[in-house]
Amino acid sequence: MKLFLMRVFPGVLLLLFNPLVLSSVAQQPGENVGVVHVIGLAGVKPKTKGNLKIEDGKLQFSASKTKADVEITSLQDVVTGNDSQRVFRGTIGTLTMFAPYGGGRFLSLFRTKLDTLTIQYRNSDGALHGAIFTMPVGKADTLKNLLLAQGAHTSIPMHSDSAISNPRPDESKEKKP
């Protein structure tokens, strides 16, 4: 019996503390996320690679030569999405079009997945702006949650398990007396 408890007890402890371990691995607010700025931020060229960071109530984009800050409270809408891009891009991607027997079109089918983060915000003058970022899979939802927790707004709420398990009752059904 003692041997059984010595083998089972550590396994039970691991199962009990597993949620605590996973939450400690989650992204912290000050952590940099490598992104590509597709378009939208003032003073930042399109397709600029850099880092997004949430700090001091601001969403900060920093690249080698440029920096841009957006107040989180000015964010009108934060939307995430899933997308993909061709594996063979640039000059090599262009040259694959000349491959014989449709080989270039076949090579364009190879794609990598990525996440998108789209923000809509108002600047200090009240003008409406927007920006689009791409990042590795799984990072956009984390950033969105952090932004929403600090006062940003969204038109598309995050999916919750309770909303999926408890769908709205059909209002067209007649009520029983």
N, C-alpha and C. Protein backbone atom coordinates (compact mmCIF):
# COMPACT_ATOMS: atom_id res chain seq x y z
N MET A 1 0.82 -1.20 0.00
CA MET A 1 0.00 0.00 0.00
C MET A 1 0.87 1.26 0.00
N LYS A 2 1.96 1.20 0.78
CA LYS A 2 2.85 2.35 0.85
C LYS A 2 3.49 2.63 -0.50
N LEU A 3 3.89 1.58 -1.18
CA LEU A 3 4.51 1.73 -2.50
C LEU A 3 3.50 2.33 -3.49
N PHE A 4 2.26 1.90 -3.41
CA PHE A 4 1.21 2.44 -4.27
C PHE A 4 1.03 3.93 -4.04
N LEU A 5 0.99 4.37 -2.77
CA LEU A 5 0.84 5.79 -2.45
C LEU A 5 2.05 6.60 -2.91
N MET A 6 3.23 6.01 -2.83
CA MET A 6 4.44 6.73 -3.26
C MET A 6 4.45 6.95 -4.77
N ARG A 7 3.80 6.08 -5.50
CA ARG A 7 3.75 6.23 -6.96
C ARG A 7 2.58 7.09 -7.40
N VAL A 8 1.46 6.99 -6.74
CA VAL A 8 0.25 7.70 -7.15
C VAL A 8 0.25 9.15 -6.67
N PHE A 9 0.72 9.40 -5.46
CA PHE A 9 0.66 10.73 -4.86
C PHE A 9 1.36 11.80 -5.71
N PRO A 10 2.60 11.56 -6.21
CA PRO A 10 3.22 12.59 -7.07
C PRO A 10 2.43 12.85 -8.34
N GLY A 11 1.84 11.81 -8.90
CA GLY A 11 1.02 12.00 -10.10
C GLY A 11 -0.21 12.85 -9.83
N VAL A 12 -0.83 12.63 -8.67
CA VAL A 12 -2.00 13.42 -8.28
C VAL A 12 -1.60 14.87 -8.06
N LEU A 13 -0.45 15.09 -7.43
CA LEU A 13 0.04 16.46 -7.22
C LEU A 13 0.29 17.18 -8.54
N LEU A 14 0.87 16.47 -9.51
CA LEU A 14 1.11 17.08 -10.82
C LEU A 14 -0.20 17.48 -11.49
N LEU A 15 -1.21 16.64 -11.38
CA LEU A 15 -2.50 16.96 -11.99
C LEU A 15 -3.15 18.16 -11.31
N LEU A 16 -3.00 18.26 -9.99
CA LEU A 16 -3.61 19.37 -9.27
C LEU A 16 -2.94 20.71 -9.57
N PHE A 17 -1.62 20.70 -9.70
CA PHE A 17 -0.89 21.95 -9.89
C PHE A 17 -0.60 22.26 -11.35
N ASN A 18 -1.06 21.44 -12.28
CA ASN A 18 -0.84 21.66 -13.70
C ASN A 18 -1.40 23.00 -14.18
N PRO A 19 -2.62 23.42 -13.78
CA PRO A 19 -3.12 24.73 -14.23
C PRO A 19 -2.25 25.89 -13.75
N LEU A 20 -1.65 25.75 -12.59
CA LEU A 20 -0.77 26.81 -12.09
C LEU A 20 0.50 26.91 -12.91
N VAL A 21 1.02 25.78 -13.33
CA VAL A 21 2.23 25.77 -14.15
C VAL A 21 1.95 26.40 -15.50
N LEU A 22 0.83 26.03 -16.13
CA LEU A 22 0.50 26.56 -17.45
C LEU A 22 0.26 28.07 -17.42
N SER A 23 -0.37 28.58 -16.35
CA SER A 23 -0.63 30.01 -16.29
C SER A 23 0.64 30.80 -16.06
N SER A 24 1.65 30.19 -15.42
CA SER A 24 2.90 30.91 -15.21
C SER A 24 3.71 31.00 -16.49
N VAL A 25 3.44 30.11 -17.45
CA VAL A 25 4.14 30.14 -18.73
C VAL A 25 3.51 31.17 -19.66
N ALA A 26 2.29 31.61 -19.38
CA ALA A 26 1.57 32.55 -20.25
C ALA A 26 2.35 33.84 -20.40
N GLN A 27 2.06 34.56 -21.46
CA GLN A 27 2.77 35.79 -21.78
C GLN A 27 2.52 36.86 -20.73
N GLN A 28 3.57 37.49 -20.29
CA GLN A 28 3.48 38.56 -19.32
C GLN A 28 3.28 39.88 -20.05
N PRO A 29 2.68 40.90 -19.39
CA PRO A 29 2.38 42.15 -20.08
C PRO A 29 3.60 42.87 -20.66
N GLY A 30 4.77 42.74 -20.04
CA GLY A 30 5.94 43.46 -20.52
C GLY A 30 6.72 42.74 -21.59
N GLU A 31 6.28 41.56 -22.00
CA GLU A 31 7.02 40.75 -22.96
C GLU A 31 6.85 41.30 -24.38
N ASN A 32 7.95 41.28 -25.14
CA ASN A 32 7.90 41.70 -26.54
C ASN A 32 7.38 40.57 -27.41
N VAL A 33 6.56 40.92 -28.40
CA VAL A 33 6.06 39.96 -29.38
C VAL A 33 6.57 40.42 -30.74
N GLY A 34 7.27 39.54 -31.43
CA GLY A 34 7.77 39.86 -32.77
C GLY A 34 6.63 39.91 -33.77
N VAL A 35 6.50 41.05 -34.45
CA VAL A 35 5.40 41.25 -35.39
C VAL A 35 5.92 41.89 -36.67
N VAL A 36 5.06 41.90 -37.66
CA VAL A 36 5.30 42.67 -38.89
C VAL A 36 4.19 43.69 -38.99
N HIS A 37 4.55 44.97 -39.07
CA HIS A 37 3.58 46.04 -39.24
C HIS A 37 3.20 46.06 -40.71
N VAL A 38 1.99 45.65 -41.02
CA VAL A 38 1.56 45.58 -42.42
C VAL A 38 1.29 46.99 -42.94
N ILE A 39 0.48 47.75 -42.21
CA ILE A 39 0.16 49.11 -42.63
C ILE A 39 -0.57 49.83 -41.50
N GLY A 40 -0.47 51.16 -41.48
CA GLY A 40 -1.34 51.94 -40.62
C GLY A 40 -0.72 52.87 -39.61
N LEU A 41 0.38 52.53 -38.98
CA LEU A 41 0.93 53.41 -37.95
C LEU A 41 1.62 54.61 -38.59
N ALA A 42 1.39 55.78 -38.02
CA ALA A 42 2.01 57.00 -38.53
C ALA A 42 3.51 56.96 -38.28
N GLY A 43 4.28 57.25 -39.31
CA GLY A 43 5.72 57.29 -39.20
C GLY A 43 6.41 55.95 -39.32
N VAL A 44 5.65 54.89 -39.57
CA VAL A 44 6.22 53.55 -39.71
C VAL A 44 5.92 53.05 -41.11
N LYS A 45 6.97 52.61 -41.82
CA LYS A 45 6.79 52.12 -43.18
C LYS A 45 6.05 50.79 -43.18
N PRO A 46 5.28 50.53 -44.24
CA PRO A 46 4.62 49.22 -44.35
C PRO A 46 5.63 48.08 -44.41
N LYS A 47 5.23 46.92 -43.94
CA LYS A 47 6.03 45.69 -43.91
C LYS A 47 7.30 45.83 -43.07
N THR A 48 7.23 46.62 -42.00
CA THR A 48 8.36 46.79 -41.10
C THR A 48 8.29 45.74 -40.01
N LYS A 49 9.40 45.02 -39.80
CA LYS A 49 9.47 44.03 -38.73
C LYS A 49 9.88 44.72 -37.44
N GLY A 50 9.21 44.37 -36.35
CA GLY A 50 9.52 44.97 -35.06
C GLY A 50 8.89 44.20 -33.93
N ASN A 51 8.74 44.86 -32.79
CA ASN A 51 8.18 44.25 -31.59
C ASN A 51 7.01 45.06 -31.08
N LEU A 52 5.97 44.36 -30.61
CA LEU A 52 4.85 44.99 -29.94
C LEU A 52 4.98 44.72 -28.45
N LYS A 53 4.72 45.75 -27.66
CA LYS A 53 4.83 45.63 -26.22
C LYS A 53 3.72 46.45 -25.58
N ILE A 54 3.10 45.91 -24.55
CA ILE A 54 2.08 46.64 -23.81
C ILE A 54 2.72 47.07 -22.50
N GLU A 55 2.82 48.41 -22.34
CA GLU A 55 3.50 48.92 -21.15
C GLU A 55 3.02 50.33 -20.85
N ASP A 56 2.80 50.63 -19.59
CA ASP A 56 2.40 51.97 -19.13
C ASP A 56 1.14 52.48 -19.82
N GLY A 57 0.18 51.59 -20.07
CA GLY A 57 -1.08 52.00 -20.69
C GLY A 57 -0.96 52.32 -22.17
N LYS A 58 0.11 51.85 -22.81
CA LYS A 58 0.33 52.10 -24.24
C LYS A 58 0.67 50.81 -24.95
N LEU A 59 0.25 50.74 -26.21
CA LEU A 59 0.68 49.70 -27.12
C LEU A 59 1.87 50.27 -27.87
N GLN A 60 3.05 49.70 -27.67
CA GLN A 60 4.27 50.27 -28.24
C GLN A 60 4.80 49.37 -29.33
N PHE A 61 5.01 49.94 -30.52
CA PHE A 61 5.66 49.25 -31.62
C PHE A 61 7.05 49.83 -31.76
N SER A 62 8.05 48.98 -31.75
CA SER A 62 9.42 49.47 -31.92
C SER A 62 10.15 48.61 -32.94
N ALA A 63 10.82 49.28 -33.86
CA ALA A 63 11.67 48.63 -34.85
C ALA A 63 13.06 49.22 -34.67
N SER A 64 13.96 48.89 -35.55
CA SER A 64 15.34 49.34 -35.38
C SER A 64 15.47 50.86 -35.36
N LYS A 65 14.73 51.55 -36.23
CA LYS A 65 14.87 53.02 -36.32
C LYS A 65 13.62 53.77 -35.93
N THR A 66 12.49 53.09 -35.81
CA THR A 66 11.24 53.80 -35.57
C THR A 66 10.53 53.26 -34.33
N LYS A 67 9.73 54.14 -33.73
CA LYS A 67 8.89 53.77 -32.60
C LYS A 67 7.55 54.46 -32.75
N ALA A 68 6.51 53.79 -32.31
CA ALA A 68 5.18 54.37 -32.34
C ALA A 68 4.41 53.88 -31.11
N ASP A 69 3.69 54.80 -30.48
CA ASP A 69 2.89 54.48 -29.30
C ASP A 69 1.43 54.80 -29.57
N VAL A 70 0.55 53.95 -29.06
CA VAL A 70 -0.89 54.18 -29.14
C VAL A 70 -1.44 53.98 -27.72
N GLU A 71 -2.16 54.98 -27.24
CA GLU A 71 -2.79 54.87 -25.93
C GLU A 71 -3.85 53.76 -25.98
N ILE A 72 -3.82 52.86 -25.01
CA ILE A 72 -4.76 51.75 -24.99
C ILE A 72 -6.19 52.24 -24.83
N THR A 73 -6.38 53.31 -24.07
CA THR A 73 -7.74 53.82 -23.87
C THR A 73 -8.32 54.44 -25.14
N SER A 74 -7.46 54.77 -26.13
CA SER A 74 -7.96 55.34 -27.38
C SER A 74 -8.33 54.27 -28.40
N LEU A 75 -8.09 52.99 -28.07
CA LEU A 75 -8.41 51.91 -29.00
C LEU A 75 -9.92 51.72 -29.09
N GLN A 76 -10.48 51.96 -30.26
CA GLN A 76 -11.91 51.82 -30.50
C GLN A 76 -12.30 50.38 -30.80
N ASP A 77 -11.40 49.64 -31.46
CA ASP A 77 -11.71 48.28 -31.87
C ASP A 77 -10.42 47.47 -31.97
N VAL A 78 -10.45 46.26 -31.44
CA VAL A 78 -9.33 45.33 -31.53
C VAL A 78 -9.89 44.03 -32.08
N VAL A 79 -9.36 43.58 -33.21
CA VAL A 79 -9.86 42.38 -33.87
C VAL A 79 -8.69 41.47 -34.21
N THR A 80 -8.85 40.19 -33.96
CA THR A 80 -7.83 39.21 -34.32
C THR A 80 -8.36 38.33 -35.44
N GLY A 81 -7.43 37.69 -36.13
CA GLY A 81 -7.83 36.79 -37.21
C GLY A 81 -6.72 35.81 -37.52
N ASN A 82 -7.05 34.83 -38.32
CA ASN A 82 -6.09 33.82 -38.78
C ASN A 82 -5.88 34.01 -40.27
N ASP A 83 -4.66 33.83 -40.71
CA ASP A 83 -4.35 34.00 -42.12
C ASP A 83 -3.20 33.07 -42.47
N SER A 84 -2.76 33.13 -43.71
CA SER A 84 -1.59 32.36 -44.13
C SER A 84 -0.83 33.18 -45.17
N GLN A 85 0.43 32.81 -45.36
CA GLN A 85 1.23 33.48 -46.38
C GLN A 85 2.07 32.43 -47.11
N ARG A 86 2.48 32.77 -48.31
CA ARG A 86 3.27 31.83 -49.10
C ARG A 86 4.61 31.57 -48.43
N VAL A 87 5.09 30.35 -48.53
CA VAL A 87 6.41 30.01 -47.99
C VAL A 87 7.48 30.64 -48.87
N PHE A 88 7.32 30.55 -50.20
CA PHE A 88 8.29 31.12 -51.13
C PHE A 88 7.83 32.52 -51.52
N ARG A 89 8.49 33.53 -50.95
CA ARG A 89 8.12 34.93 -51.21
C ARG A 89 9.30 35.64 -51.85
N GLY A 90 9.09 36.89 -52.19
CA GLY A 90 10.16 37.72 -52.72
C GLY A 90 10.60 37.29 -54.10
N THR A 91 11.88 37.42 -54.36
CA THR A 91 12.44 37.10 -55.67
C THR A 91 12.27 35.62 -55.99
N ILE A 92 12.52 34.77 -55.02
CA ILE A 92 12.38 33.33 -55.25
C ILE A 92 10.93 32.99 -55.57
N GLY A 93 10.00 33.61 -54.87
CA GLY A 93 8.59 33.38 -55.15
C GLY A 93 8.20 33.81 -56.56
N THR A 94 8.78 34.92 -57.01
CA THR A 94 8.52 35.39 -58.37
C THR A 94 9.12 34.44 -59.39
N LEU A 95 10.32 33.97 -59.14
CA LEU A 95 10.98 33.06 -60.08
C LEU A 95 10.28 31.71 -60.17
N THR A 96 9.58 31.29 -59.12
CA THR A 96 8.88 30.01 -59.19
C THR A 96 7.74 30.04 -60.20
N MET A 97 7.29 31.23 -60.59
CA MET A 97 6.22 31.31 -61.60
C MET A 97 6.69 30.76 -62.95
N PHE A 98 8.00 30.77 -63.18
CA PHE A 98 8.54 30.32 -64.46
C PHE A 98 8.88 28.83 -64.47
N ALA A 99 8.56 28.12 -63.39
CA ALA A 99 8.83 26.68 -63.35
C ALA A 99 7.94 25.98 -64.37
N PRO A 100 8.50 24.98 -65.05
CA PRO A 100 7.72 24.31 -66.10
C PRO A 100 6.60 23.44 -65.53
N TYR A 101 5.60 23.17 -66.37
CA TYR A 101 4.49 22.27 -66.08
C TYR A 101 3.68 22.70 -64.85
N GLY A 102 3.54 23.99 -64.62
CA GLY A 102 2.74 24.48 -63.51
C GLY A 102 3.37 24.28 -62.15
N GLY A 103 4.66 24.04 -62.11
CA GLY A 103 5.36 23.82 -60.84
C GLY A 103 5.32 25.04 -59.94
N GLY A 104 5.32 26.24 -60.53
CA GLY A 104 5.27 27.46 -59.73
C GLY A 104 3.96 27.60 -58.98
N ARG A 105 2.88 27.26 -59.66
CA ARG A 105 1.57 27.31 -58.99
C ARG A 105 1.49 26.27 -57.89
N PHE A 106 2.12 25.12 -58.12
CA PHE A 106 2.14 24.09 -57.09
C PHE A 106 2.93 24.57 -55.87
N LEU A 107 4.05 25.22 -56.09
CA LEU A 107 4.86 25.71 -54.97
C LEU A 107 4.14 26.82 -54.20
N SER A 108 3.26 27.56 -54.87
CA SER A 108 2.54 28.62 -54.17
C SER A 108 1.48 28.06 -53.21
N LEU A 109 1.21 26.76 -53.32
CA LEU A 109 0.25 26.14 -52.41
C LEU A 109 0.85 25.91 -51.02
N PHE A 110 2.18 25.91 -50.91
CA PHE A 110 2.81 25.74 -49.61
C PHE A 110 2.71 27.05 -48.85
N ARG A 111 2.04 27.00 -47.71
CA ARG A 111 1.76 28.22 -46.97
C ARG A 111 2.06 28.01 -45.49
N THR A 112 2.37 29.11 -44.80
CA THR A 112 2.55 29.07 -43.35
C THR A 112 1.42 29.87 -42.71
N LYS A 113 0.98 29.43 -41.53
CA LYS A 113 -0.10 30.11 -40.83
C LYS A 113 0.45 31.25 -40.00
N LEU A 114 -0.38 32.27 -39.80
CA LEU A 114 -0.03 33.40 -38.96
C LEU A 114 -1.29 34.02 -38.39
N ASP A 115 -1.12 34.82 -37.35
CA ASP A 115 -2.23 35.55 -36.74
C ASP A 115 -2.17 37.01 -37.15
N THR A 116 -3.33 37.65 -37.21
CA THR A 116 -3.38 39.08 -37.49
C THR A 116 -4.03 39.80 -36.32
N LEU A 117 -3.56 41.01 -36.07
CA LEU A 117 -4.14 41.88 -35.05
C LEU A 117 -4.43 43.21 -35.74
N THR A 118 -5.69 43.60 -35.76
CA THR A 118 -6.10 44.85 -36.37
C THR A 118 -6.63 45.76 -35.28
N ILE A 119 -6.10 46.99 -35.24
CA ILE A 119 -6.56 47.95 -34.23
C ILE A 119 -7.13 49.18 -34.93
N GLN A 120 -8.10 49.77 -34.31
CA GLN A 120 -8.70 51.03 -34.77
C GLN A 120 -8.64 51.97 -33.58
N TYR A 121 -8.05 53.15 -33.77
CA TYR A 121 -7.85 54.05 -32.65
C TYR A 121 -8.02 55.50 -33.08
N ARG A 122 -8.18 56.36 -32.09
CA ARG A 122 -8.26 57.81 -32.33
C ARG A 122 -7.01 58.46 -31.79
N ASN A 123 -6.45 59.39 -32.58
CA ASN A 123 -5.26 60.10 -32.12
C ASN A 123 -5.66 61.25 -31.21
N SER A 124 -4.70 62.07 -30.82
CA SER A 124 -4.97 63.17 -29.89
C SER A 124 -5.90 64.23 -30.48
N ASP A 125 -5.96 64.32 -31.82
CA ASP A 125 -6.86 65.27 -32.48
C ASP A 125 -8.26 64.69 -32.69
N GLY A 126 -8.46 63.42 -32.39
CA GLY A 126 -9.75 62.79 -32.58
C GLY A 126 -9.92 62.11 -33.92
N ALA A 127 -8.87 62.12 -34.76
CA ALA A 127 -8.94 61.48 -36.07
C ALA A 127 -8.87 59.96 -35.92
N LEU A 128 -9.62 59.25 -36.75
CA LEU A 128 -9.68 57.80 -36.69
C LEU A 128 -8.56 57.19 -37.54
N HIS A 129 -7.82 56.25 -36.95
CA HIS A 129 -6.72 55.56 -37.62
C HIS A 129 -6.87 54.07 -37.42
N GLY A 130 -6.13 53.31 -38.20
CA GLY A 130 -6.12 51.87 -38.04
C GLY A 130 -4.75 51.32 -38.36
N ALA A 131 -4.44 50.14 -37.82
CA ALA A 131 -3.16 49.49 -38.09
C ALA A 131 -3.38 47.99 -38.10
N ILE A 132 -2.57 47.31 -38.91
CA ILE A 132 -2.65 45.86 -39.04
C ILE A 132 -1.26 45.28 -38.76
N PHE A 133 -1.23 44.23 -37.92
CA PHE A 133 0.01 43.55 -37.60
C PHE A 133 -0.16 42.06 -37.86
N THR A 134 0.90 41.39 -38.29
CA THR A 134 0.91 39.93 -38.39
C THR A 134 1.94 39.41 -37.41
N MET A 135 1.67 38.22 -36.88
CA MET A 135 2.56 37.64 -35.86
C MET A 135 2.42 36.12 -35.87
N PRO A 136 3.28 35.42 -35.13
CA PRO A 136 3.18 33.96 -35.07
C PRO A 136 1.84 33.50 -34.50
N VAL A 137 1.45 32.30 -34.84
CA VAL A 137 0.18 31.74 -34.40
C VAL A 137 0.13 31.68 -32.88
N GLY A 138 -1.01 32.12 -32.32
CA GLY A 138 -1.24 32.03 -30.88
C GLY A 138 -0.92 33.30 -30.11
N LYS A 139 -0.32 34.29 -30.73
CA LYS A 139 0.07 35.51 -30.02
C LYS A 139 -1.01 36.58 -30.06
N ALA A 140 -1.83 36.62 -31.10
CA ALA A 140 -2.80 37.71 -31.26
C ALA A 140 -3.88 37.67 -30.18
N ASP A 141 -4.39 36.50 -29.86
CA ASP A 141 -5.44 36.42 -28.84
C ASP A 141 -4.92 36.84 -27.46
N THR A 142 -3.68 36.51 -27.18
CA THR A 142 -3.08 36.92 -25.91
C THR A 142 -2.96 38.43 -25.83
N LEU A 143 -2.49 39.04 -26.92
CA LEU A 143 -2.39 40.51 -26.95
C LEU A 143 -3.77 41.15 -26.83
N LYS A 144 -4.75 40.59 -27.52
CA LYS A 144 -6.11 41.15 -27.46
C LYS A 144 -6.65 41.10 -26.03
N ASN A 145 -6.45 39.98 -25.36
CA ASN A 145 -6.91 39.86 -23.97
C ASN A 145 -6.24 40.88 -23.07
N LEU A 146 -4.93 41.10 -23.25
CA LEU A 146 -4.22 42.08 -22.45
C LEU A 146 -4.73 43.50 -22.73
N LEU A 147 -4.99 43.79 -24.00
CA LEU A 147 -5.49 45.12 -24.36
C LEU A 147 -6.89 45.35 -23.79
N LEU A 148 -7.76 44.34 -23.89
CA LEU A 148 -9.11 44.47 -23.35
C LEU A 148 -9.10 44.63 -21.84
N ALA A 149 -8.18 43.96 -21.17
CA ALA A 149 -8.09 44.06 -19.71
C ALA A 149 -7.65 45.46 -19.27
N GLN A 150 -6.97 46.19 -20.17
CA GLN A 150 -6.48 47.52 -19.81
C GLN A 150 -7.34 48.64 -20.37
N GLY A 151 -8.53 48.32 -20.90
CA GLY A 151 -9.47 49.37 -21.28
C GLY A 151 -9.75 49.52 -22.75
N ALA A 152 -9.20 48.67 -23.62
CA ALA A 152 -9.51 48.75 -25.04
C ALA A 152 -10.91 48.19 -25.29
N HIS A 153 -11.47 48.50 -26.44
CA HIS A 153 -12.81 48.05 -26.81
C HIS A 153 -12.72 47.13 -28.02
N THR A 154 -13.73 46.30 -28.18
CA THR A 154 -13.77 45.41 -29.34
C THR A 154 -15.20 45.26 -29.82
N SER A 155 -15.36 45.05 -31.12
CA SER A 155 -16.68 44.81 -31.67
C SER A 155 -16.97 43.31 -31.75
N ILE A 156 -15.92 42.49 -31.64
CA ILE A 156 -16.06 41.04 -31.68
C ILE A 156 -15.52 40.49 -30.37
N PRO A 157 -16.40 40.12 -29.43
CA PRO A 157 -15.93 39.63 -28.14
C PRO A 157 -15.21 38.29 -28.27
N MET A 158 -14.37 38.00 -27.29
CA MET A 158 -13.65 36.73 -27.27
C MET A 158 -14.66 35.62 -27.00
N HIS A 159 -14.40 34.45 -27.58
CA HIS A 159 -15.26 33.29 -27.35
C HIS A 159 -15.02 32.77 -25.95
N SER A 160 -16.09 32.53 -25.23
CA SER A 160 -15.96 31.94 -23.90
C SER A 160 -16.62 30.58 -23.88
N ASP A 161 -16.14 29.71 -23.02
CA ASP A 161 -16.69 28.36 -22.93
C ASP A 161 -18.14 28.38 -22.48
N SER A 162 -18.51 29.35 -21.62
CA SER A 162 -19.88 29.40 -21.14
C SER A 162 -20.86 29.78 -22.24
N ALA A 163 -20.43 30.63 -23.17
CA ALA A 163 -21.31 31.03 -24.27
C ALA A 163 -21.53 29.88 -25.24
N ILE A 164 -20.52 29.04 -25.39
CA ILE A 164 -20.65 27.91 -26.30
C ILE A 164 -21.51 26.82 -25.67
N SER A 165 -21.30 26.56 -24.38
CA SER A 165 -22.05 25.49 -23.75
C SER A 165 -23.48 25.89 -23.42
N ASN A 166 -23.76 27.17 -23.24
CA ASN A 166 -25.10 27.64 -22.93
C ASN A 166 -25.61 28.58 -24.03
N PRO A 167 -26.00 28.04 -25.18
CA PRO A 167 -26.49 28.92 -26.24
C PRO A 167 -27.79 29.60 -25.84
N ARG A 168 -28.09 30.71 -26.50
CA ARG A 168 -29.31 31.44 -26.19
C ARG A 168 -30.52 30.59 -26.54
N PRO A 169 -31.53 30.63 -25.70
CA PRO A 169 -32.73 29.86 -26.03
C PRO A 169 -33.45 30.48 -27.22
N ASP A 170 -34.07 29.64 -28.00
CA ASP A 170 -34.79 30.10 -29.18
C ASP A 170 -36.02 30.89 -28.75
N GLU A 171 -36.08 32.14 -29.15
CA GLU A 171 -37.18 33.01 -28.74
C GLU A 171 -38.48 32.76 -29.51
N SER A 172 -38.37 31.99 -30.61
CA SER A 172 -39.56 31.75 -31.41
C SER A 172 -40.45 30.65 -30.81
N LYS A 173 -39.91 29.92 -29.83
CA LYS A 173 -40.71 28.88 -29.21
C LYS A 173 -41.78 29.52 -28.32
N GLU A 174 -42.91 28.87 -28.28
CA GLU A 174 -44.00 29.37 -27.46
C GLU A 174 -43.73 29.04 -26.00
N LYS A 175 -44.11 29.95 -25.13
CA LYS A 175 -43.95 29.71 -23.70
C LYS A 175 -45.14 28.92 -23.19
N LYS A 176 -44.83 27.95 -22.34
CA LYS A 176 -45.90 27.15 -21.75
C LYS A 176 -46.45 27.86 -20.53
N PRO A 177 -47.77 27.84 -20.33
CA PRO A 177 -48.38 28.54 -19.18
C PRO A 177 -48.10 27.86 -17.88
